[in-house]
C-alpha atoms as a PDB file:
ATOM      1  CA  MET A   1       3.031 -23.379  15.130  1.00  0.00           C
ATOM      2  CA  ARG A   2       1.041 -23.316  11.998  1.00  0.00           C
ATOM      3  CA  ASP A   3       1.901 -25.952   9.412  1.00  0.00           C
ATOM      4  CA  TYR A   4       1.806 -23.625   6.187  1.00  0.00           C
ATOM      5  CA  PRO A   5       2.316 -25.288   2.333  1.00  0.00           C
ATOM      6  CA  THR A   6       5.242 -26.928   0.949  1.00  0.00           C
ATOM      7  CA  PRO A   7       5.823 -27.425  -2.644  1.00  0.00           C
ATOM      8  CA  PRO A   8       5.524 -28.404  -5.000  1.00  0.00           C
ATOM      9  CA  PHE A   9       2.217 -25.867  -6.099  1.00  0.00           C
ATOM     10  CA  PRO A  10       0.304 -27.011  -9.004  1.00  0.00           C
ATOM     11  CA  ALA A  11       0.790 -24.841 -12.334  1.00  0.00           C
ATOM     12  CA  GLN A  12      -0.781 -21.110 -12.354  1.00  0.00           C
ATOM     13  CA  PRO A  13       0.356 -18.607 -15.003  1.00  0.00           C
ATOM     14  CA  GLN A  14      -1.378 -15.110 -14.086  1.00  0.00           C
ATOM     15  CA  ASP A  15      -0.897 -12.118 -16.197  1.00  0.00           C
ATOM     16  CA  VAL A  16       1.055  -9.151 -14.394  1.00  0.00           C
ATOM     17  CA  PRO A  17       0.697  -8.098 -11.176  1.00  0.00           C
ATOM     18  CA  GLY A  18      -1.809 -11.281 -10.685  1.00  0.00           C
ATOM     19  CA  GLU A  19      -4.865 -12.103  -8.341  1.00  0.00           C
ATOM     20  CA  GLN A  20      -4.232 -13.500  -5.200  1.00  0.00           C
ATOM     21  CA  GLN A  21      -7.964 -14.703  -5.596  1.00  0.00           C
ATOM     22  CA  LYS A  22      -6.682 -17.152  -7.935  1.00  0.00           C
ATOM     23  CA  MET A  23      -3.520 -18.495  -6.342  1.00  0.00           C
ATOM     24  CA  GLN A  24      -3.755 -21.964  -5.077  1.00  0.00           C
ATOM     25  CA  PRO A  25      -2.796 -22.334  -2.016  1.00  0.00           C
ATOM     26  CA  LEU A  26      -4.143 -18.964  -1.128  1.00  0.00           C
ATOM     27  CA  PRO A  27      -1.645 -16.893   0.258  1.00  0.00           C
ATOM     28  CA  ASP A  28      -2.364 -16.681   4.472  1.00  0.00           C
ATOM     29  CA  CYS A  29      -2.803 -12.605   5.033  1.00  0.00           C
ATOM     30  CA  GLY A  30      -3.243 -13.566   9.108  1.00  0.00           C
ATOM     31  CA  GLU A  31      -7.390 -13.016   8.216  1.00  0.00           C
ATOM     32  CA  HIS A  32      -8.663 -15.978  10.492  1.00  0.00           C
ATOM     33  CA  SER A  33      -5.626 -16.012  12.937  1.00  0.00           C
ATOM     34  CA  TYR A  34      -3.338 -12.860  13.247  1.00  0.00           C
ATOM     35  CA  LYS A  35      -4.511 -10.771  16.411  1.00  0.00           C
ATOM     36  CA  GLY A  36      -3.507  -7.003  18.016  1.00  0.00           C
ATOM     37  CA  ASN A  37      -2.870  -5.395  20.790  1.00  0.00           C
ATOM     38  CA  GLY A  38      -3.208  -2.044  19.975  1.00  0.00           C
ATOM     39  CA  ARG A  39      -0.046  -1.705  19.660  1.00  0.00           C
ATOM     40  CA  LEU A  40      -0.662   0.745  17.056  1.00  0.00           C
ATOM     41  CA  GLN A  41      -3.731   2.647  18.498  1.00  0.00           C
ATOM     42  CA  GLY A  42      -5.106   5.838  16.528  1.00  0.00           C
ATOM     43  CA  LYS A  43      -1.871   5.555  13.865  1.00  0.00           C
ATOM     44  CA  ILE A  44      -2.407   6.759  10.604  1.00  0.00           C
ATOM     45  CA  ALA A  45      -0.959   4.809   7.639  1.00  0.00           C
ATOM     46  CA  LEU A  46      -0.417   4.132   3.895  1.00  0.00           C
ATOM     47  CA  ILE A  47       1.111   1.233   2.296  1.00  0.00           C
ATOM     48  CA  THR A  48       1.955   1.032  -1.210  1.00  0.00           C
ATOM     49  CA  GLY A  49       0.964  -2.694  -3.146  1.00  0.00           C
ATOM     50  CA  GLY A  50      -1.672  -3.169  -0.133  1.00  0.00           C
ATOM     51  CA  ASP A  51      -4.002  -5.051  -2.307  1.00  0.00           C
ATOM     52  CA  SER A  52      -2.574  -8.367  -1.623  1.00  0.00           C
ATOM     53  CA  GLY A  53       0.485 -10.687  -0.541  1.00  0.00           C
ATOM     54  CA  ILE A  54       2.444  -8.752   1.724  1.00  0.00           C
ATOM     55  CA  GLY A  55       0.360  -5.107   1.700  1.00  0.00           C
ATOM     56  CA  ARG A  56      -2.927  -7.179   3.003  1.00  0.00           C
ATOM     57  CA  ALA A  57      -0.956  -8.564   5.969  1.00  0.00           C
ATOM     58  CA  VAL A  58       0.395  -5.464   6.650  1.00  0.00           C
ATOM     59  CA  ALA A  59      -2.999  -3.886   5.996  1.00  0.00           C
ATOM     60  CA  ILE A  60      -4.745  -6.454   8.416  1.00  0.00           C
ATOM     61  CA  ALA A  61      -2.163  -6.470  10.718  1.00  0.00           C
ATOM     62  CA  TYR A  62      -2.498  -2.441  11.248  1.00  0.00           C
ATOM     63  CA  ALA A  63      -6.124  -2.401  11.169  1.00  0.00           C
ATOM     64  CA  ARG A  64      -5.876  -4.788  14.374  1.00  0.00           C
ATOM     65  CA  GLU A  65      -3.549  -2.953  15.748  1.00  0.00           C
ATOM     66  CA  GLY A  66      -5.087  -0.069  15.732  1.00  0.00           C
ATOM     67  CA  ALA A  67      -4.400   1.686  13.271  1.00  0.00           C
ATOM     68  CA  ASP A  68      -6.526   4.244   9.915  1.00  0.00           C
ATOM     69  CA  VAL A  69      -4.811   2.476   6.363  1.00  0.00           C
ATOM     70  CA  ALA A  70      -4.585   3.926   2.858  1.00  0.00           C
ATOM     71  CA  ILE A  71      -4.389   1.704   0.634  1.00  0.00           C
ATOM     72  CA  ALA A  72      -2.907   2.286  -3.090  1.00  0.00           C
ATOM     73  CA  TYR A  73      -2.540  -0.689  -5.510  1.00  0.00           C
ATOM     74  CA  LEU A  74      -2.296  -0.776  -9.242  1.00  0.00           C
ATOM     75  CA  ASN A  75      -5.596  -1.823 -10.685  1.00  0.00           C
ATOM     76  CA  GLU A  76      -6.408  -5.260  -8.587  1.00  0.00           C
ATOM     77  CA  HIS A  77      -9.299  -4.117  -7.327  1.00  0.00           C
ATOM     78  CA  GLU A  78     -11.199  -7.044  -6.403  1.00  0.00           C
ATOM     79  CA  ASP A  79      -8.476  -8.074  -4.423  1.00  0.00           C
ATOM     80  CA  ALA A  80      -8.225  -4.132  -2.910  1.00  0.00           C
ATOM     81  CA  GLN A  81     -11.806  -4.473  -1.811  1.00  0.00           C
ATOM     82  CA  GLU A  82     -11.335  -8.063  -0.421  1.00  0.00           C
ATOM     83  CA  THR A  83      -8.129  -6.702   1.944  1.00  0.00           C
ATOM     84  CA  ALA A  84     -10.408  -3.410   3.281  1.00  0.00           C
ATOM     85  CA  ARG A  85     -13.262  -5.756   4.122  1.00  0.00           C
ATOM     86  CA  TRP A  86     -10.528  -7.114   6.720  1.00  0.00           C
ATOM     87  CA  VAL A  87     -10.186  -3.729   7.819  1.00  0.00           C
ATOM     88  CA  GLU A  88     -12.976  -2.440   8.368  1.00  0.00           C
ATOM     89  CA  GLN A  89     -14.345  -5.622  10.129  1.00  0.00           C
ATOM     90  CA  ALA A  90     -11.144  -4.677  12.458  1.00  0.00           C
ATOM     91  CA  GLY A  91     -12.786  -1.597  12.883  1.00  0.00           C
ATOM     92  CA  ARG A  92     -10.869   0.846  10.968  1.00  0.00           C
ATOM     93  CA  GLN A  93     -10.866   2.662   8.056  1.00  0.00           C
ATOM     94  CA  CYS A  94      -9.887   1.949   4.599  1.00  0.00           C
ATOM     95  CA  LEU A  95      -8.543   4.448   2.345  1.00  0.00           C
ATOM     96  CA  LEU A  96      -8.100   2.644  -1.609  1.00  0.00           C
ATOM     97  CA  LEU A  97      -6.228   4.471  -4.084  1.00  0.00           C
ATOM     98  CA  PRO A  98      -5.614   2.752  -7.459  1.00  0.00           C
ATOM     99  CA  GLY A  99      -2.886   4.164 -10.130  1.00  0.00           C
ATOM    100  CA  ASP A 100       0.127   3.841 -11.148  1.00  0.00           C
ATOM    101  CA  LEU A 101       3.300   4.935  -9.210  1.00  0.00           C
ATOM    102  CA  ALA A 102       5.665   4.588 -12.370  1.00  0.00           C
ATOM    103  CA  HIS A 103       3.851   8.282 -12.566  1.00  0.00           C
ATOM    104  CA  LYS A 104       5.026  11.053 -10.896  1.00  0.00           C
ATOM    105  CA  ALA A 105       1.356  12.898 -10.362  1.00  0.00           C
ATOM    106  CA  VAL A 106      -0.091   9.924  -8.911  1.00  0.00           C
ATOM    107  CA  CYS A 107       2.664   9.147  -6.330  1.00  0.00           C
ATOM    108  CA  TYR A 108       2.056  13.078  -5.243  1.00  0.00           C
ATOM    109  CA  GLU A 109      -1.408  12.051  -5.461  1.00  0.00           C
ATOM    110  CA  ILE A 110      -1.799   9.230  -2.685  1.00  0.00           C
ATOM    111  CA  VAL A 111      -0.237  10.717  -0.567  1.00  0.00           C
ATOM    112  CA  ASP A 112      -2.172  13.851  -0.839  1.00  0.00           C
ATOM    113  CA  LYS A 113      -5.475  12.090  -0.753  1.00  0.00           C
ATOM    114  CA  THR A 114      -4.289  10.027   2.545  1.00  0.00           C
ATOM    115  CA  VAL A 115      -3.843  13.696   3.952  1.00  0.00           C
ATOM    116  CA  GLU A 116      -6.652  15.128   3.165  1.00  0.00           C
ATOM    117  CA  LYS A 117      -8.536  12.416   4.436  1.00  0.00           C
ATOM    118  CA  PHE A 118      -7.039  11.565   7.413  1.00  0.00           C
ATOM    119  CA  GLY A 119      -4.339  14.842   8.138  1.00  0.00           C
ATOM    120  CA  ARG A 120      -1.110  13.019   8.435  1.00  0.00           C
ATOM    121  CA  ILE A 121       0.561  10.105   8.055  1.00  0.00           C
ATOM    122  CA  ASP A 122       1.817   8.655  10.898  1.00  0.00           C
ATOM    123  CA  ILE A 123       3.769   5.329   8.412  1.00  0.00           C
ATOM    124  CA  LEU A 124       4.294   5.271   5.454  1.00  0.00           C
ATOM    125  CA  ILE A 125       4.905   2.137   3.708  1.00  0.00           C
ATOM    126  CA  ASN A 126       6.715   1.609   0.131  1.00  0.00           C
ATOM    127  CA  ASN A 127       6.063  -2.121  -0.601  1.00  0.00           C
ATOM    128  CA  ALA A 128       4.893  -1.983  -4.211  1.00  0.00           C
ATOM    129  CA  ALA A 129       6.911  -3.439  -7.008  1.00  0.00           C
ATOM    130  CA  PHE A 130       7.359  -4.849 -10.028  1.00  0.00           C
ATOM    131  CA  GLN A 131       9.316  -7.594 -11.219  1.00  0.00           C
ATOM    132  CA  MET A 132       9.771 -10.507 -14.039  1.00  0.00           C
ATOM    133  CA  SER A 133      12.069 -12.708 -14.918  1.00  0.00           C
ATOM    134  CA  HIS A 134      14.856 -13.036 -18.182  1.00  0.00           C
ATOM    135  CA  GLU A 135      17.694 -16.044 -18.649  1.00  0.00           C
ATOM    136  CA  ASN A 136      19.632 -13.483 -20.984  1.00  0.00           C
ATOM    137  CA  LEU A 137      20.366  -9.499 -20.597  1.00  0.00           C
ATOM    138  CA  GLU A 138      19.399  -8.884 -24.120  1.00  0.00           C
ATOM    139  CA  ASP A 139      15.880  -9.658 -23.522  1.00  0.00           C
ATOM    140  CA  ILE A 140      15.707  -6.889 -20.779  1.00  0.00           C
ATOM    141  CA  THR A 141      13.880  -3.961 -22.885  1.00  0.00           C
ATOM    142  CA  ASP A 142      14.352  -0.925 -22.286  1.00  0.00           C
ATOM    143  CA  ASP A 143      11.066   0.747 -21.398  1.00  0.00           C
ATOM    144  CA  GLU A 144      11.147  -2.425 -18.446  1.00  0.00           C
ATOM    145  CA  TRP A 145      14.645  -1.909 -17.101  1.00  0.00           C
ATOM    146  CA  VAL A 146      13.136   2.048 -17.024  1.00  0.00           C
ATOM    147  CA  MET A 147       9.653   0.679 -15.462  1.00  0.00           C
ATOM    148  CA  THR A 148      10.848  -1.399 -12.685  1.00  0.00           C
ATOM    149  CA  PHE A 149      13.577   1.598 -11.924  1.00  0.00           C
ATOM    150  CA  ASP A 150      10.335   4.119 -11.512  1.00  0.00           C
ATOM    151  CA  VAL A 151       7.589   1.671  -9.351  1.00  0.00           C
ATOM    152  CA  ASN A 152      10.258   0.251  -7.419  1.00  0.00           C
ATOM    153  CA  ILE A 153      12.731   3.183  -6.419  1.00  0.00           C
ATOM    154  CA  THR A 154      11.897   6.107  -8.200  1.00  0.00           C
ATOM    155  CA  ALA A 155       8.299   5.845  -6.524  1.00  0.00           C
ATOM    156  CA  MET A 156      10.094   6.073  -3.001  1.00  0.00           C
ATOM    157  CA  PHE A 157      11.667   8.814  -3.969  1.00  0.00           C
ATOM    158  CA  ARG A 158       8.681  10.893  -4.878  1.00  0.00           C
ATOM    159  CA  ILE A 159       5.889   9.249  -2.108  1.00  0.00           C
ATOM    160  CA  CYS A 160       8.196   9.742   0.878  1.00  0.00           C
ATOM    161  CA  GLN A 161       9.544  13.680  -0.307  1.00  0.00           C
ATOM    162  CA  ARG A 162       5.361  13.999  -1.161  1.00  0.00           C
ATOM    163  CA  ALA A 163       4.734  12.619   2.778  1.00  0.00           C
ATOM    164  CA  LEU A 164       7.518  13.590   4.641  1.00  0.00           C
ATOM    165  CA  PRO A 165       5.951  18.186   5.402  1.00  0.00           C
ATOM    166  CA  SER A 166       2.827  15.373   6.694  1.00  0.00           C
ATOM    167  CA  MET A 167       5.056  13.696   8.816  1.00  0.00           C
ATOM    168  CA  ALA A 168       5.993  14.296  12.477  1.00  0.00           C
ATOM    169  CA  LYS A 169       7.960  13.329  15.046  1.00  0.00           C
ATOM    170  CA  GLY A 170       7.798  10.028  15.728  1.00  0.00           C
ATOM    171  CA  SER A 171       6.830   8.485  12.689  1.00  0.00           C
ATOM    172  CA  SER A 172       8.133   5.976  10.420  1.00  0.00           C
ATOM    173  CA  ILE A 173       9.106   4.829   7.481  1.00  0.00           C
ATOM    174  CA  ILE A 174       9.654   1.133   6.344  1.00  0.00           C
ATOM    175  CA  ASN A 175      10.712   0.425   2.692  1.00  0.00           C
ATOM    176  CA  THR A 176      10.438  -3.500   1.762  1.00  0.00           C
ATOM    177  CA  SER A 177      13.708  -4.047   0.014  1.00  0.00           C
ATOM    178  CA  SER A 178      14.484  -7.813  -0.477  1.00  0.00           C
ATOM    179  CA  ILE A 179      17.076 -10.905   0.108  1.00  0.00           C
ATOM    180  CA  ASN A 180      18.163  -9.928  -3.638  1.00  0.00           C
ATOM    181  CA  SER A 181      19.564  -6.969  -2.371  1.00  0.00           C
ATOM    182  CA  ASP A 182      22.692  -8.915  -1.743  1.00  0.00           C
ATOM    183  CA  SER A 183      21.801 -11.952  -3.071  1.00  0.00           C
ATOM    184  CA  PRO A 184      20.582 -10.559  -6.733  1.00  0.00           C
ATOM    185  CA  LYS A 185      19.230 -13.864  -8.518  1.00  0.00           C
ATOM    186  CA  PRO A 186      20.194 -12.997 -12.097  1.00  0.00           C
ATOM    187  CA  THR A 187      17.061 -13.851 -13.691  1.00  0.00           C
ATOM    188  CA  LEU A 188      14.930 -10.843 -11.872  1.00  0.00           C
ATOM    189  CA  LEU A 189      18.339  -8.443 -12.365  1.00  0.00           C
ATOM    190  CA  PRO A 190      16.472  -5.594 -12.683  1.00  0.00           C
ATOM    191  CA  TYR A 191      14.310  -6.172  -9.836  1.00  0.00           C
ATOM    192  CA  ALA A 192      17.514  -7.103  -7.775  1.00  0.00           C
ATOM    193  CA  THR A 193      18.938  -4.013  -8.485  1.00  0.00           C
ATOM    194  CA  THR A 194      16.349  -2.248  -7.582  1.00  0.00           C
ATOM    195  CA  LYS A 195      16.295  -3.586  -3.793  1.00  0.00           C
ATOM    196  CA  GLY A 196      19.790  -2.996  -3.936  1.00  0.00           C
ATOM    197  CA  ALA A 197      19.407   0.666  -4.374  1.00  0.00           C
ATOM    198  CA  ILE A 198      16.231   0.507  -1.877  1.00  0.00           C
ATOM    199  CA  ALA A 199      18.470  -0.394   0.943  1.00  0.00           C
ATOM    200  CA  ASN A 200      20.990   1.744  -0.011  1.00  0.00           C
ATOM    201  CA  PHE A 201      18.166   4.338   0.009  1.00  0.00           C
ATOM    202  CA  THR A 202      17.093   3.703   3.251  1.00  0.00           C
ATOM    203  CA  ALA A 203      20.042   3.262   5.550  1.00  0.00           C
ATOM    204  CA  GLY A 204      20.903   7.366   3.812  1.00  0.00           C
ATOM    205  CA  LEU A 205      17.789   8.635   4.499  1.00  0.00           C
ATOM    206  CA  ALA A 206      17.286   7.052   8.025  1.00  0.00           C
ATOM    207  CA  GLN A 207      20.796   9.365   8.391  1.00  0.00           C
ATOM    208  CA  MET A 208      19.300  12.735   7.081  1.00  0.00           C
ATOM    209  CA  LEU A 209      16.015  12.107   8.979  1.00  0.00           C
ATOM    210  CA  GLY A 210      17.209  11.643  11.819  1.00  0.00           C
ATOM    211  CA  SER A 211      17.751  14.548  13.374  1.00  0.00           C
ATOM    212  CA  LYS A 212      13.479  15.089  12.852  1.00  0.00           C
ATOM    213  CA  GLY A 213      12.895  12.142  15.112  1.00  0.00           C
ATOM    214  CA  ILE A 214      11.692  10.384  11.770  1.00  0.00           C
ATOM    215  CA  ARG A 215      12.413   6.822  11.704  1.00  0.00           C
ATOM    216  CA  VAL A 216      13.669   4.638   8.636  1.00  0.00           C
ATOM    217  CA  ASN A 217      13.807   0.904   8.822  1.00  0.00           C
ATOM    218  CA  SER A 218      14.100  -1.396   5.600  1.00  0.00           C
ATOM    219  CA  VAL A 219      12.511  -5.233   5.896  1.00  0.00           C
ATOM    220  CA  ALA A 220      14.136  -7.589   3.011  1.00  0.00           C
ATOM    221  CA  PRO A 221      11.712 -10.380   2.421  1.00  0.00           C
ATOM    222  CA  GLY A 222      13.127 -14.189   1.186  1.00  0.00           C
ATOM    223  CA  PRO A 223      10.839 -16.033  -1.016  1.00  0.00           C
ATOM    224  CA  ILE A 224       7.096 -14.785   0.093  1.00  0.00           C
ATOM    225  CA  TRP A 225       4.132 -16.751  -1.616  1.00  0.00           C
ATOM    226  CA  THR A 226       2.204 -13.934  -3.122  1.00  0.00           C
ATOM    227  CA  PRO A 227       0.843 -13.328  -6.718  1.00  0.00           C
ATOM    228  CA  LEU A 228       3.558 -11.902  -7.906  1.00  0.00           C
ATOM    229  CA  ILE A 229       5.127 -15.139  -8.223  1.00  0.00           C
ATOM    230  CA  PRO A 230       2.851 -16.857 -10.565  1.00  0.00           C
ATOM    231  CA  ALA A 231       2.852 -13.397 -12.502  1.00  0.00           C
ATOM    232  CA  THR A 232       6.239 -13.424 -13.108  1.00  0.00           C
ATOM    233  CA  MET A 233       7.542 -15.954 -13.144  1.00  0.00           C
ATOM    234  CA  PRO A 234       8.657 -19.958 -15.099  1.00  0.00           C
ATOM    235  CA  VAL A 235       5.856 -22.134 -13.838  1.00  0.00           C
ATOM    236  CA  GLU A 236       8.266 -24.816 -13.105  1.00  0.00           C
ATOM    237  CA  GLU A 237       9.936 -22.359 -10.378  1.00  0.00           C
ATOM    238  CA  VAL A 238       6.760 -21.285  -9.423  1.00  0.00           C
ATOM    239  CA  SER A 239       5.818 -25.062  -8.349  1.00  0.00           C
ATOM    240  CA  GLU A 240       9.506 -25.720  -6.131  1.00  0.00           C
ATOM    241  CA  PHE A 241       9.498 -22.279  -4.749  1.00  0.00           C
ATOM    242  CA  GLY A 242      11.150 -21.397  -1.841  1.00  0.00           C
ATOM    243  CA  THR A 243      12.742 -25.264  -1.527  1.00  0.00           C
ATOM    244  CA  GLN A 244      15.588 -23.514  -1.859  1.00  0.00           C
ATOM    245  CA  THR A 245      15.164 -21.728   1.977  1.00  0.00           C
ATOM    246  CA  PRO A 246      16.182 -23.978   4.901  1.00  0.00           C
ATOM    247  CA  MET A 247      12.822 -23.970   5.632  1.00  0.00           C
ATOM    248  CA  GLY A 248      12.185 -25.612   2.457  1.00  0.00           C
ATOM    249  CA  ARG A 249       9.131 -23.557   1.997  1.00  0.00           C
ATOM    250  CA  PRO A 250       8.398 -20.387   0.589  1.00  0.00           C
ATOM    251  CA  GLY A 251       7.156 -17.159   3.981  1.00  0.00           C
ATOM    252  CA  GLN A 252       3.613 -16.732   3.984  1.00  0.00           C
ATOM    253  CA  PRO A 253       2.479 -12.915   4.300  1.00  0.00           C
ATOM    254  CA  VAL A 254       1.364 -13.354   7.458  1.00  0.00           C
ATOM    255  CA  GLU A 255       4.578 -14.152   8.582  1.00  0.00           C
ATOM    256  CA  VAL A 256       6.178 -11.070   7.357  1.00  0.00           C
ATOM    257  CA  ALA A 257       3.761  -8.860   8.928  1.00  0.00           C
ATOM    258  CA  PRO A 258       5.067  -8.727  12.201  1.00  0.00           C
ATOM    259  CA  ILE A 259       8.226  -7.362  12.013  1.00  0.00           C
ATOM    260  CA  TYR A 260       6.052  -4.194  10.222  1.00  0.00           C
ATOM    261  CA  VAL A 261       3.920  -3.730  13.280  1.00  0.00           C
ATOM    262  CA  LEU A 262       7.219  -3.453  15.336  1.00  0.00           C
ATOM    263  CA  LEU A 263       9.139  -1.325  13.031  1.00  0.00           C
ATOM    264  CA  GLY A 264       5.566   0.897  12.843  1.00  0.00           C
ATOM    265  CA  SER A 265       5.025   1.092  16.652  1.00  0.00           C
ATOM    266  CA  ASP A 266       7.212   3.279  19.447  1.00  0.00           C
ATOM    267  CA  GLU A 267       8.457   0.506  20.855  1.00  0.00           C
ATOM    268  CA  ALA A 268      10.967   0.375  17.623  1.00  0.00           C
ATOM    269  CA  SER A 269      11.717   4.843  18.870  1.00  0.00           C
ATOM    270  CA  TYR A 270      15.598   3.744  18.834  1.00  0.00           C
ATOM    271  CA  ILE A 271      15.764   1.571  15.262  1.00  0.00           C
ATOM    272  CA  SER A 272      16.203   3.213  12.729  1.00  0.00           C
ATOM    273  CA  GLY A 273      18.463   2.482   9.581  1.00  0.00           C
ATOM    274  CA  SER A 274      18.410  -1.248   9.820  1.00  0.00           C
ATOM    275  CA  ARG A 275      17.449  -3.613   7.316  1.00  0.00           C
ATOM    276  CA  TYR A 276      15.642  -6.352   8.548  1.00  0.00           C
ATOM    277  CA  GLY A 277      15.362 -10.183   7.120  1.00  0.00           C
ATOM    278  CA  VAL A 278      12.510 -12.419   7.199  1.00  0.00           C
ATOM    279  CA  THR A 279      14.338 -15.557   4.469  1.00  0.00           C
ATOM    280  CA  GLY A 280      13.422 -18.560   6.496  1.00  0.00           C
ATOM    281  CA  GLY A 281      17.199 -19.093   7.405  1.00  0.00           C
ATOM    282  CA  LYS A 282      19.171 -18.032   4.375  1.00  0.00           C
ATOM    283  CA  PRO A 283      21.140 -15.473   6.658  1.00  0.00           C
ATOM    284  CA  ILE A 284      22.194 -11.514   4.967  1.00  0.00           C
ATOM    285  CA  LEU A 285      24.776  -9.441   5.014  1.00  0.00           C
END
């Protein structure tokens, strides 16, 4: 087993949405460690928030498992190009799709361009998210509340709805929830609320799409070392990030990727409507 970085981490404030290349230590997305076994050979995946963090780790894993990937992201062009480099190094194609998922037109566009490029979508991963920390309810603006819902859950609904006609029997939808879905952190109130909504959306959609042979699951990560952390949390929390877990450290994106591989593969043909925690030992309900 590898030894992953443990707190304390150096002060490293960033502007939202954050850049992976500026983080100390750099997140491990499996660039030098993940080894594929052909479990997703020939599949087409659309990954939102795929430029860095969990999204990058999933993109690298998927490419090494044999999938071509489309990556939707906001505006972190250098991070996205680095992810594309790793995908292409694995011998697979990578389509980069910048844009703000708070807008309905962008949600539709990323689906349409993926289908135009690859002909279909076999695996849809709704992973993009926004969060900010606030100590008091009155500090949360109405605009921020609405934007958090637009990016985290409304975009998910829109993308799923648009993608469905291009998804055949045996396809898989994987939504990124969070440990906050049942253990909400009060300082992340808007984010945590959307993550609870994602868990319920996933469970309901799995039942709705079961007759079509399309599986729907969610992954609930605990504290994972991604650009969202230094970009949205106070410096002192970043320094001690992950110490609250039984393992005493944050997870690395590469440690989350394998569950996305399983859920996207044909091996998970009877797994649907479930939520999978990757939390460093802290149980989810």
